[in-house]
Protein backbone atom coordinates (compact mmCIF):
# COMPACT_ATOMS: atom_id res chain seq x y z
CA MET A 1 -14.36 74.20 23.27
CA ARG A 2 -17.36 76.53 23.63
CA VAL A 3 -16.43 78.31 20.37
CA ILE A 4 -16.18 74.99 18.52
CA ASN A 5 -19.52 73.79 19.91
CA ARG A 6 -21.16 77.05 18.80
CA ALA A 7 -19.67 76.66 15.34
CA ILE A 8 -21.00 73.10 15.10
CA ILE A 9 -24.47 74.23 16.20
CA PHE A 10 -24.35 77.06 13.65
CA PHE A 11 -23.51 74.64 10.81
CA ASN A 12 -26.08 72.08 11.98
CA GLN A 13 -28.79 74.72 11.80
CA ARG A 14 -27.72 75.45 8.20
CA GLN A 15 -27.02 72.00 6.77
CA TYR A 16 -26.14 73.30 3.31
CA LEU A 17 -23.05 74.94 4.81
CA TRP A 18 -21.51 71.52 5.50
CA TYR A 19 -21.80 70.70 1.80
CA LEU A 20 -20.40 74.08 0.73
CA LEU A 21 -17.52 73.75 3.17
CA LEU A 22 -16.66 70.26 2.00
CA PHE A 23 -16.90 71.27 -1.67
CA ALA A 24 -14.63 74.26 -1.04
CA LEU A 25 -12.03 72.10 0.76
CA ALA A 26 -12.08 69.43 -1.96
CA PHE A 27 -11.99 72.01 -4.76
CA SER A 28 -9.02 73.79 -3.17
CA LEU A 29 -7.09 70.56 -2.68
CA PHE A 30 -7.77 69.28 -6.20
CA ALA A 31 -6.95 72.68 -7.73
CA TYR A 32 -3.58 72.55 -5.99
CA LEU A 33 -2.94 69.06 -7.38
CA GLN A 34 -3.95 70.19 -10.90
CA LEU A 35 -2.01 73.47 -10.87
CA ASP A 36 0.73 72.35 -13.30
CA PRO A 37 0.16 72.47 -17.10
CA THR A 38 0.45 68.68 -17.37
CA PHE A 39 -1.72 65.58 -17.41
CA ALA A 40 -0.78 62.33 -15.73
CA ASP A 41 -2.57 60.28 -18.40
CA PRO A 42 -2.26 60.79 -22.17
CA ASP A 43 -5.95 59.86 -22.68
CA SER A 44 -6.80 63.28 -21.23
CA PHE A 45 -5.86 64.86 -24.57
CA TYR A 46 -8.24 62.50 -26.36
CA HIS A 47 -11.14 63.52 -24.10
CA ALA A 48 -10.50 67.23 -24.65
CA LYS A 49 -10.40 66.69 -28.42
CA MET A 50 -13.52 64.50 -28.52
CA ALA A 51 -15.51 67.16 -26.68
CA GLN A 52 -14.48 69.63 -29.40
CA VAL A 53 -15.27 67.16 -32.19
CA LEU A 54 -18.68 66.47 -30.66
CA ARG A 55 -19.37 70.20 -30.41
CA ASP A 56 -18.26 70.97 -33.97
CA GLN A 57 -19.25 67.83 -35.92
CA GLY A 58 -21.87 66.09 -33.82
CA VAL A 59 -21.73 62.40 -32.97
CA VAL A 60 -18.89 60.57 -34.75
CA THR A 61 -19.84 57.01 -35.74
CA GLU A 62 -16.62 56.14 -37.56
CA PHE A 63 -13.11 56.84 -36.36
CA PRO A 64 -10.69 57.02 -39.32
CA TRP A 65 -7.95 58.42 -37.08
CA LEU A 66 -7.12 54.86 -35.93
CA SER A 67 -6.66 53.20 -39.30
CA ALA A 68 -5.21 49.87 -38.09
CA THR A 69 -7.80 49.06 -35.42
CA THR A 70 -11.34 47.76 -35.15
CA LEU A 71 -12.39 51.29 -34.17
CA ARG A 72 -11.92 52.54 -37.72
CA TYR A 73 -15.35 51.29 -38.77
CA ASP A 74 -16.80 50.03 -35.46
CA TYR A 75 -16.27 53.06 -33.25
CA THR A 76 -18.35 53.74 -30.16
CA ASP A 77 -17.82 56.79 -27.98
CA HIS A 78 -18.34 54.93 -24.72
CA HIS A 79 -17.80 58.19 -22.80
CA LEU A 80 -20.37 60.10 -24.87
CA LEU A 81 -22.15 61.64 -21.87
CA TYR A 82 -18.82 62.68 -20.34
CA HIS A 83 -17.78 64.40 -23.56
CA ILE A 84 -21.13 66.21 -23.70
CA LEU A 85 -20.57 67.47 -20.15
CA LEU A 86 -17.08 68.69 -21.13
CA ILE A 87 -18.33 70.87 -24.02
CA PRO A 88 -19.02 74.04 -21.93
CA PHE A 89 -15.64 73.75 -20.20
CA VAL A 90 -13.58 73.31 -23.39
CA SER A 91 -15.59 76.02 -25.17
CA ILE A 92 -15.44 78.83 -22.62
CA LEU A 93 -11.81 78.26 -21.64
CA PRO A 94 -8.77 77.01 -23.57
CA PRO A 95 -9.62 73.31 -24.04
CA LEU A 96 -6.94 71.78 -21.81
CA VAL A 97 -7.50 74.37 -19.08
CA GLY A 98 -11.24 73.73 -19.34
CA LEU A 99 -10.62 70.00 -19.00
CA LYS A 100 -8.65 70.60 -15.81
CA LEU A 101 -11.41 72.78 -14.37
CA ALA A 102 -14.00 70.10 -15.24
CA THR A 103 -11.85 67.46 -13.54
CA ILE A 104 -11.57 69.53 -10.37
CA PHE A 105 -15.30 70.30 -10.37
CA PHE A 106 -16.52 66.73 -10.92
CA ALA A 107 -14.04 65.25 -8.41
CA SER A 108 -15.16 67.77 -5.77
CA LEU A 109 -18.80 67.06 -6.59
CA PHE A 110 -18.23 63.34 -6.02
CA VAL A 111 -16.75 63.98 -2.56
CA VAL A 112 -19.86 66.00 -1.64
CA LEU A 113 -22.09 63.26 -3.03
CA PHE A 114 -20.17 60.68 -0.99
CA PHE A 115 -20.86 62.75 2.14
CA TRP A 116 -24.54 63.04 1.17
CA LEU A 117 -24.89 59.28 0.67
CA LEU A 118 -23.27 58.58 4.04
CA ARG A 119 -25.76 60.91 5.70
CA SER A 120 -28.66 59.27 3.87
CA LEU A 121 -27.46 55.93 5.29
CA LYS A 122 -27.39 57.50 8.80
CA VAL A 123 -23.61 57.10 9.17
CA LYS A 124 -22.33 59.00 12.20
CA GLY A 125 -19.35 61.25 11.55
CA ALA A 126 -20.07 61.32 7.80
CA LEU A 127 -18.01 64.49 7.36
CA TRP A 128 -14.93 62.80 8.80
CA TYR A 129 -15.22 59.89 6.40
CA ALA A 130 -15.56 62.32 3.47
CA LEU A 131 -12.47 64.20 4.64
CA PHE A 132 -10.66 60.92 5.13
CA LEU A 133 -11.46 60.04 1.51
CA LEU A 134 -9.41 63.09 0.48
CA THR A 135 -6.26 61.57 1.99
CA VAL A 136 -6.14 58.14 0.33
CA ASN A 137 -3.24 58.38 -2.12
CA PRO A 138 -4.11 55.88 -4.91
CA PHE A 139 -7.78 56.86 -4.86
CA ILE A 140 -7.08 60.61 -5.11
CA PHE A 141 -4.64 59.94 -7.93
CA ARG A 142 -7.31 58.07 -9.92
CA LEU A 143 -10.15 60.46 -9.06
CA ASN A 144 -8.17 63.47 -10.32
CA LEU A 145 -7.13 62.03 -13.65
CA ALA A 146 -8.68 64.09 -16.44
CA LYS A 147 -10.93 61.20 -17.42
CA ALA A 148 -14.50 60.12 -16.72
CA GLN A 149 -13.81 58.49 -13.31
CA ALA A 150 -15.43 61.12 -11.10
CA VAL A 151 -18.59 61.37 -13.24
CA VAL A 152 -18.84 57.57 -13.37
CA LEU A 153 -18.70 57.40 -9.57
CA ILE A 154 -21.27 60.19 -9.22
CA LEU A 155 -23.80 58.41 -11.43
CA LEU A 156 -23.07 55.01 -9.88
CA PHE A 157 -23.63 56.27 -6.33
CA LEU A 158 -26.80 58.09 -7.42
CA ALA A 159 -28.06 54.86 -8.99
CA LEU A 160 -27.36 52.97 -5.76
CA TYR A 161 -29.26 55.61 -3.79
CA PHE A 162 -32.26 55.20 -6.13
CA LEU A 163 -31.95 51.43 -5.71
CA PHE A 164 -31.85 51.56 -1.91
CA ASN A 165 -34.82 53.94 -1.78
CA ARG A 166 -36.90 52.17 -4.46
CA ARG A 167 -37.00 55.10 -6.89
CA TYR A 168 -37.93 52.97 -9.89
CA LEU A 169 -38.16 55.64 -12.59
CA SER A 170 -35.05 57.48 -11.41
CA LEU A 171 -33.16 54.19 -11.32
CA LEU A 172 -34.25 53.43 -14.89
CA PHE A 173 -32.98 56.77 -16.22
CA ALA A 174 -29.77 56.58 -14.19
CA SER A 175 -29.10 53.13 -15.69
CA TRP A 176 -29.76 54.50 -19.18
CA LEU A 177 -27.33 57.39 -18.70
CA TYR A 178 -24.76 55.06 -17.17
CA VAL A 179 -24.51 53.16 -20.47
CA TRP A 180 -23.86 56.42 -22.35
CA LEU A 181 -21.20 57.36 -19.81
CA TYR A 182 -19.17 54.20 -19.33
CA ALA A 183 -18.49 50.94 -21.19
CA GLY A 184 -18.37 49.10 -17.87
CA TRP A 185 -22.14 49.51 -17.46
CA PRO A 186 -22.67 45.76 -16.64
CA LEU A 187 -21.15 46.69 -13.28
CA LEU A 188 -24.41 48.39 -12.28
CA LEU A 189 -26.35 45.20 -12.95
CA VAL A 190 -23.88 43.19 -10.85
CA LEU A 191 -24.02 45.59 -7.89
CA SER A 192 -27.81 45.84 -8.04
CA SER A 193 -28.09 42.06 -8.08
CA VAL A 194 -25.79 41.78 -5.06
CA TYR A 195 -27.92 44.21 -3.06
CA LEU A 196 -31.19 42.52 -4.02
CA LEU A 197 -29.81 39.05 -3.21
CA VAL A 198 -28.59 40.23 0.20
CA ASN A 199 -31.98 41.82 0.82
CA TRP A 200 -33.77 38.60 -0.17
CA PHE A 201 -31.49 36.42 1.97
CA ILE A 202 -31.97 38.53 5.11
CA TYR A 203 -35.77 38.54 4.71
CA GLN A 204 -35.70 34.75 4.22
CA ARG A 205 -33.94 34.29 7.57
CA GLN A 206 -36.72 36.07 9.46
CA GLY A 207 -39.46 34.22 11.31
CA GLY A 208 -42.64 32.69 9.94
CA TRP A 209 -45.27 35.04 11.37
CA LEU A 210 -48.00 36.01 8.92
CA ILE A 211 -47.06 39.69 8.94
CA ILE A 212 -43.42 38.77 8.27
CA GLN A 213 -44.51 36.61 5.33
CA ARG A 214 -46.51 39.49 3.86
CA ILE A 215 -43.57 41.88 4.27
CA ARG A 216 -41.28 39.31 2.67
CA HIS A 217 -43.66 38.83 -0.25
CA LYS A 218 -43.93 42.59 -0.80
CA ALA A 219 -40.13 43.02 -0.58
CA ASN A 220 -39.60 40.25 -3.16
CA GLY A 221 -42.01 41.97 -5.52
CA GLN A 222 -40.24 45.32 -5.08
CA SER A 223 -36.88 43.64 -5.73
CA LEU A 224 -38.12 42.26 -9.03
CA PHE A 225 -39.35 45.71 -10.08
CA LEU A 226 -36.00 47.25 -9.11
CA LEU A 227 -34.09 44.65 -11.09
CA PHE A 228 -36.45 45.21 -14.03
CA SER A 229 -35.80 48.99 -13.82
CA VAL A 230 -32.04 48.44 -14.01
CA ILE A 231 -32.25 45.95 -16.88
CA LEU A 232 -34.72 48.11 -18.84
CA GLY A 233 -32.56 51.22 -18.33
CA LEU A 234 -29.37 49.44 -19.43
CA ALA A 235 -31.11 47.94 -22.44
CA ALA A 236 -32.48 51.37 -23.43
CA GLY A 237 -28.98 52.85 -23.14
CA VAL A 238 -27.60 50.20 -25.47
CA PHE A 239 -30.39 50.16 -28.07
CA PHE A 240 -31.34 53.86 -28.13
CA SER A 241 -27.80 54.84 -29.01
CA PRO A 242 -26.37 56.49 -32.13
CA TYR A 243 -23.93 53.57 -32.26
CA PHE A 244 -26.40 50.68 -32.20
CA PRO A 245 -25.90 47.87 -33.24
CA ARG A 246 -22.13 48.28 -33.68
CA ASN A 247 -21.80 49.17 -30.02
CA LEU A 248 -22.56 45.55 -29.12
CA TYR A 249 -19.23 44.39 -30.57
CA PHE A 250 -17.44 47.33 -29.00
CA TYR A 251 -18.81 46.52 -25.54
CA TRP A 252 -17.72 42.92 -26.04
CA GLN A 253 -14.18 44.14 -26.71
CA GLN A 254 -14.07 46.78 -23.97
CA THR A 255 -15.86 44.90 -21.20
CA PHE A 256 -14.82 41.31 -21.84
CA LYS A 257 -11.57 41.36 -23.82
CA ILE A 258 -9.97 44.44 -22.24
CA ALA A 259 -11.47 44.63 -18.74
CA LEU A 260 -11.99 40.96 -17.86
CA VAL A 261 -9.69 38.84 -20.01
CA ASN A 262 -7.05 41.55 -20.49
CA TYR A 263 -4.15 40.64 -22.77
CA GLN A 264 -1.47 42.07 -20.46
CA SER A 265 0.51 38.81 -20.68
CA VAL A 266 0.43 38.96 -24.51
CA ILE A 267 0.66 42.66 -25.43
CA GLY A 268 1.69 45.82 -23.62
CA VAL A 269 -1.56 47.34 -22.32
CA GLY A 270 -2.05 50.54 -20.33
CA GLY A 271 -0.50 50.80 -16.87
CA GLU A 272 -3.90 51.01 -15.17
CA TRP A 273 -4.65 47.41 -16.19
CA TYR A 274 -1.65 45.99 -14.33
CA PRO A 275 -1.99 45.08 -10.63
CA PHE A 276 -0.50 46.71 -7.57
CA SER A 277 1.92 44.59 -5.63
CA PHE A 278 0.33 43.82 -2.27
CA SER A 279 2.97 45.81 -0.37
CA GLN A 280 2.63 48.75 -2.76
CA LEU A 281 -1.14 48.78 -2.25
CA LEU A 282 -0.92 48.44 1.54
CA LEU A 283 1.77 51.07 2.07
CA GLY A 284 0.15 53.46 -0.42
CA ALA A 285 -3.02 53.64 1.70
CA LEU A 286 -1.96 52.51 5.18
CA PRO A 287 -4.37 54.60 7.34
CA PHE A 288 -7.26 53.58 5.08
CA PHE A 289 -6.43 49.89 5.48
CA ILE A 290 -6.19 50.28 9.26
CA VAL A 291 -9.74 51.66 9.32
CA PHE A 292 -11.03 49.03 6.90
CA ILE A 293 -9.44 46.10 8.75
CA ALA A 294 -10.74 47.41 12.08
CA ALA A 295 -14.26 47.65 10.62
CA LEU A 296 -13.92 44.18 9.12
CA THR A 297 -12.90 42.78 12.50
CA LEU A 298 -15.89 44.42 14.20
CA PHE A 299 -18.18 43.16 11.46
CA ILE A 300 -17.07 39.55 11.93
CA TYR A 301 -17.33 39.74 15.73
CA TYR A 302 -20.79 41.36 15.66
CA ARG A 303 -22.01 39.80 12.40
CA LYS A 304 -25.46 39.02 13.80
CA LYS A 305 -26.12 42.73 14.38
CA GLN A 306 -25.30 43.82 10.83
CA THR A 307 -27.82 45.40 8.45
CA VAL A 308 -28.60 44.86 4.79
CA TYR A 309 -26.44 47.85 3.89
CA SER A 310 -23.36 46.74 5.84
CA TRP A 311 -23.58 43.26 4.27
CA THR A 312 -24.03 44.81 0.82
CA PHE A 313 -21.08 47.15 1.08
CA LEU A 314 -18.93 44.39 2.53
CA ILE A 315 -19.51 42.33 -0.62
CA PHE A 316 -18.92 45.40 -2.80
CA SER A 317 -15.65 46.06 -0.96
CA LEU A 318 -14.36 42.50 -1.18
CA LEU A 319 -15.33 42.25 -4.85
CA PHE A 320 -13.38 45.38 -5.76
CA PHE A 321 -10.47 44.47 -3.51
CA ILE A 322 -10.06 41.27 -5.55
CA LEU A 323 -10.41 43.23 -8.80
CA THR A 324 -7.86 45.79 -7.56
CA LEU A 325 -5.35 42.98 -7.07
CA LYS A 326 -5.94 42.19 -10.77
CA SER A 327 -6.02 45.75 -12.17
CA ARG A 328 -5.05 48.85 -10.19
CA ARG A 329 -7.74 50.99 -11.80
CA ASN A 330 -10.38 49.30 -9.61
CA ILE A 331 -9.00 51.15 -6.57
CA GLU A 332 -11.38 53.98 -7.50
CA TYR A 333 -14.32 51.73 -6.52
CA PHE A 334 -12.74 49.78 -3.69
CA VAL A 335 -11.82 52.78 -1.51
CA PRO A 336 -15.21 54.60 -1.39
CA PHE A 337 -17.15 51.33 -1.03
CA ALA A 338 -14.85 50.19 1.78
CA LEU A 339 -15.21 53.54 3.57
CA VAL A 340 -19.01 53.36 3.36
CA PHE A 341 -18.80 49.82 4.76
CA SER A 342 -16.52 50.99 7.58
CA GLY A 343 -18.82 53.89 8.43
CA LEU A 344 -21.87 51.63 8.53
CA VAL A 345 -20.22 49.03 10.79
CA ILE A 346 -18.77 51.57 13.20
CA THR A 347 -22.11 53.44 13.35
CA ASN A 348 -24.01 50.22 14.09
CA LEU A 349 -21.68 49.49 16.99
CA SER A 350 -21.18 53.02 18.29
CA VAL A 351 -23.33 52.56 21.40
CA TRP A 352 -20.58 51.01 23.50
CA PRO A 353 -17.93 53.76 22.91
CA ALA A 354 -20.58 56.38 23.75
CA LYS A 355 -21.27 54.61 27.06
CA PHE A 356 -17.55 54.33 27.71
CA LEU A 357 -17.02 58.06 27.11
CA ALA A 358 -20.01 58.89 29.30
CA LYS A 359 -18.47 56.97 32.19
CA LEU A 360 -15.29 58.99 31.75
CA LYS A 361 -17.37 62.18 31.45
CA LEU A 362 -15.79 62.84 28.04
CA VAL A 363 -18.89 62.54 25.90
CA ASN A 364 -18.64 66.23 24.89
CA LEU A 365 -15.19 65.51 23.47
CA SER A 366 -16.35 62.71 21.17
CA TRP A 367 -16.19 65.07 18.20
CA ALA A 368 -12.45 65.43 18.82
CA LEU A 369 -11.58 61.74 18.42
CA PRO A 370 -11.52 61.80 14.59
CA LEU A 371 -9.50 65.02 14.73
CA ILE A 372 -6.94 63.33 16.99
CA LEU A 373 -6.66 60.44 14.53
CA PHE A 374 -6.21 62.89 11.66
CA LEU A 375 -3.38 64.59 13.53
CA LEU A 376 -1.71 61.27 14.31
CA PHE A 377 -1.71 60.30 10.64
CA SER A 378 -1.11 63.82 9.29
CA SER A 379 2.49 63.17 8.27
CA ILE A 380 1.38 60.17 6.18
CA PHE A 381 -1.46 62.16 4.61
CA ILE A 382 0.87 65.01 3.65
CA ARG A 383 3.46 62.60 2.24
CA ASP A 384 0.85 60.81 0.13
CA LEU A 385 -0.62 64.03 -1.26
CA MET A 386 2.87 65.22 -2.20
CA LEU A 387 3.42 61.96 -4.05
CA VAL A 388 0.22 62.54 -6.03
CA LYS A 389 1.30 66.12 -6.73
CA ASP A 390 4.70 64.93 -8.01
CA SER A 391 3.05 62.33 -10.26
CA TYR A 392 0.92 65.02 -11.89
CA ARG A 393 3.81 67.48 -12.18
CA GLN A 394 5.90 64.91 -14.03
CA GLY A 395 3.11 64.07 -16.45
CA PHE A 396 2.53 65.01 -20.09
CA SER A 397 2.99 68.69 -20.84
CA PHE A 398 0.20 70.61 -22.61
CA THR A 399 2.60 71.23 -25.51
CA LYS A 400 4.14 67.75 -25.74
CA PHE A 401 4.44 66.72 -29.41
CA SER A 402 2.69 69.93 -30.50
CA GLN A 403 5.56 71.03 -32.79
CA PRO A 404 5.91 67.79 -34.80
CA ALA A 405 2.11 67.43 -34.88
CA ASN A 406 1.72 70.96 -36.27
CA TRP A 407 4.47 70.35 -38.83
CA LEU A 408 2.62 67.27 -40.06
CA LYS A 409 -0.65 69.22 -40.21
CA GLU A 410 0.92 71.98 -42.30
CA ASN A 411 3.08 69.87 -44.61
CA THR A 412 1.15 66.68 -45.40
CA PRO A 413 -2.02 65.95 -47.43
CA PRO A 414 -5.32 65.72 -45.49
CA GLY A 415 -6.01 62.21 -44.26
CA SER A 416 -2.50 60.92 -44.88
CA ILE A 417 -1.47 58.16 -42.46
CA VAL A 418 1.35 58.70 -39.97
CA PHE A 419 3.18 55.60 -38.71
CA HIS A 420 3.97 56.33 -35.04
CA SER A 421 6.26 54.67 -32.53
CA ASP A 422 3.89 53.87 -29.65
CA TRP A 423 0.15 53.53 -29.10
CA ASP A 424 0.00 56.03 -26.22
CA GLU A 425 1.33 58.80 -28.49
CA PHE A 426 -1.97 58.88 -30.35
CA PRO A 427 -4.04 61.04 -27.93
CA LEU A 428 -1.44 63.84 -27.96
CA LEU A 429 -0.97 63.73 -31.74
CA PHE A 430 -4.75 63.58 -32.26
CA TYR A 431 -5.35 66.55 -29.98
CA HIS A 432 -2.82 68.75 -31.77
CA ASN A 433 -3.52 67.40 -35.25
CA SER A 434 -6.70 65.69 -36.44
CA HIS A 435 -5.71 66.55 -40.03
CA ASN A 436 -3.74 63.28 -40.28
CA ARG A 437 -4.62 59.65 -39.60
CA TYR A 438 -2.71 57.35 -37.26
CA LEU A 439 -2.45 53.62 -36.56
CA VAL A 440 -3.31 52.59 -33.01
CA GLY A 441 -4.39 54.27 -29.78
CA LEU A 442 -6.60 54.23 -26.67
CA ASP A 443 -5.76 50.55 -26.14
CA PRO A 444 -3.52 48.21 -28.20
CA THR A 445 -6.17 45.49 -27.91
CA PHE A 446 -8.15 47.25 -30.67
CA MET A 447 -5.23 46.68 -33.05
CA TYR A 448 -4.50 43.18 -31.74
CA THR A 449 -8.09 42.02 -32.37
CA TYR A 450 -8.13 43.78 -35.75
CA ASP A 451 -5.10 41.85 -37.05
CA GLN A 452 -2.72 39.97 -34.76
CA ASP A 453 -0.03 39.63 -37.45
CA LEU A 454 -0.23 43.34 -38.25
CA HIS A 455 0.08 44.16 -34.55
CA GLN A 456 3.11 41.88 -34.21
CA SER A 457 4.78 43.53 -37.21
CA TRP A 458 4.15 46.98 -35.75
CA VAL A 459 5.62 45.92 -32.37
CA GLU A 460 8.75 44.44 -33.98
CA ILE A 461 9.31 47.55 -36.09
CA THR A 462 8.76 50.13 -33.32
CA THR A 463 10.88 48.25 -30.77
CA GLY A 464 13.74 48.04 -33.27
CA LYS A 465 13.74 44.25 -33.39
CA SER A 466 13.05 44.31 -37.13
CA ASN A 467 14.97 46.49 -39.57
CA GLN A 468 14.32 44.46 -42.70
CA ASN A 469 11.95 45.68 -45.43
CA LEU A 470 11.00 48.75 -43.41
CA GLN A 471 10.04 50.82 -46.43
CA PRO A 472 7.63 48.31 -48.06
CA MET A 473 6.13 47.39 -44.70
CA ILE A 474 5.47 50.97 -43.58
CA LYS A 475 4.48 52.22 -47.05
CA ASN A 476 2.51 49.31 -48.49
CA VAL A 477 1.25 47.31 -45.50
CA PHE A 478 0.46 50.19 -43.12
CA GLY A 479 -0.22 52.74 -45.87
CA ALA A 480 1.89 55.46 -44.22
CA ASP A 481 3.87 58.18 -46.00
CA TYR A 482 5.35 59.67 -42.82
CA VAL A 483 6.83 58.24 -39.63
CA PHE A 484 6.70 59.93 -36.22
CA VAL A 485 9.29 58.74 -33.68
CA ASP A 486 9.64 59.65 -30.03
CA PHE A 487 13.38 58.96 -30.11
CA ASN A 488 13.72 59.31 -26.34
CA SER A 489 11.60 56.18 -25.86
CA ASN A 490 12.23 54.40 -29.17
CA ALA A 491 15.93 54.99 -29.84
CA GLU A 492 16.53 51.70 -31.67
CA PHE A 493 13.62 52.30 -34.05
CA ASP A 494 14.88 55.83 -34.73
CA ARG A 495 18.37 54.48 -35.43
CA ASN A 496 17.00 51.98 -37.93
CA LEU A 497 15.18 54.75 -39.81
CA ALA A 498 18.18 57.11 -39.75
CA ASN A 499 20.36 54.38 -41.32
CA ASN A 500 17.84 53.54 -44.05
CA ILE A 501 18.08 55.44 -47.37
CA PHE A 502 14.31 55.16 -47.93
CA PHE A 503 13.54 57.45 -44.98
CA GLN A 504 14.28 61.16 -45.09
CA LYS A 505 14.29 63.20 -41.89
CA VAL A 506 12.07 66.24 -42.44
CA PHE A 507 11.53 67.49 -38.88
CA GLU A 508 13.36 67.29 -35.57
CA ASN A 509 13.13 68.85 -32.12
CA GLN A 510 14.08 67.74 -28.62
CA GLU A 511 11.07 65.40 -28.38
CA ALA A 512 10.65 63.65 -31.71
CA ARG A 513 11.63 63.25 -35.33
CA VAL A 514 9.48 62.97 -38.45
CA TYR A 515 10.66 60.94 -41.45
CA LYS A 516 9.21 60.93 -44.95
CA VAL A 517 8.97 57.59 -46.71
CA ILE A 518 10.82 57.76 -50.05
CA GLU A 519 9.43 55.89 -53.06
């Protein structure tokens, strides 16, 4: 015990060591999860390629690679800032390896930032909550996808810190950058409004003394300036953009049609837009839910003792819990917000356990309680991390579709359109071959809103439901001279092509076949 106490004193005297230690632990864990040459999400290949395109060609304002979507002429790189940040990583290292390193780095940085924010909110045991964050299965899975999630969370939490501490100019610039990073930028306005409304409501409940009235008046004025900073920053991000004014229509599609309305009952969208089942969500993060429910119970029982921050993060948590039940991707917000809420509530009510431990003369062992809980749940933590590791290992190989993509690049005219068998094949084909043009990718909604009849025809052809007039449809309607088929996933479509005299097989390997359309 004396050795441990000395170690704690040593670290407390050198606060930066806590951050370095946490970063090293997170980096090591995430590096282990990312060790395999695979990606769990095909969009990762798109991000690696866009960082290269941005480096070599500058900002792209049209996207001819998706010829049958609204993005062809109304393209907005809604992850522009993320792709800029990726440029050093994909330039110094092989691009996909650099993308993995960037993912590990940004995810680790967010964990450190989470710890820093907890400490700025005076949460006791902040390190334990940060370590606990590293064990929540669905959150770690989302955080370590080679996408913009970690950077989005970093900037969002920084913006909230500026909001809480009334850093008007910093908040304005953070809001501006948030638009260039993420199409879901209206989220920042919603969260800021929630905090300011909670702040206003709590001040309104206070007494009528003159000094209280003056404080209330000053706080209301500061809230208006904070809201103005957020709105001005978001507006600047939208208008001072290389994509303005076309980005307005894109944000309408991405934020409203894809994120809010979501056509999952009409078309097959990405897996992240479908909900968890309640049991799947609960069992996938059982220790986390135990902590959250315990904090929620304490909050309700001692609701009169709660602060502005605990009320704010409660609303954040409940909002994203509801959204997570709609789309599983929102787990990346729900978990950290709920842990901040739990830490705030438990800290506010930590006087009585301290008194209890003092009576038992165990106050010096209070540091060990979180460790005991970690040990009790260790088997669950290890199981969950192994599940995440297996999900990554079974993902998309670095070389998936590289051979057929390279064949197309070397044997077809520049800019010729390739009809392909699924929308999630696009990022891999695009990464290995930007010489050709494709039909649909990133999200099928972009094709559905471009032309619903065209989308329906493409679905019927690729699922094998339609084998009539394949040649005139693919050649004349879609403008394609070549067809790429992942025959492992689209066997019926492949069979229809193989039995049609107007399609000549020109390439085949264990993953896919390429057919040439015969006049």
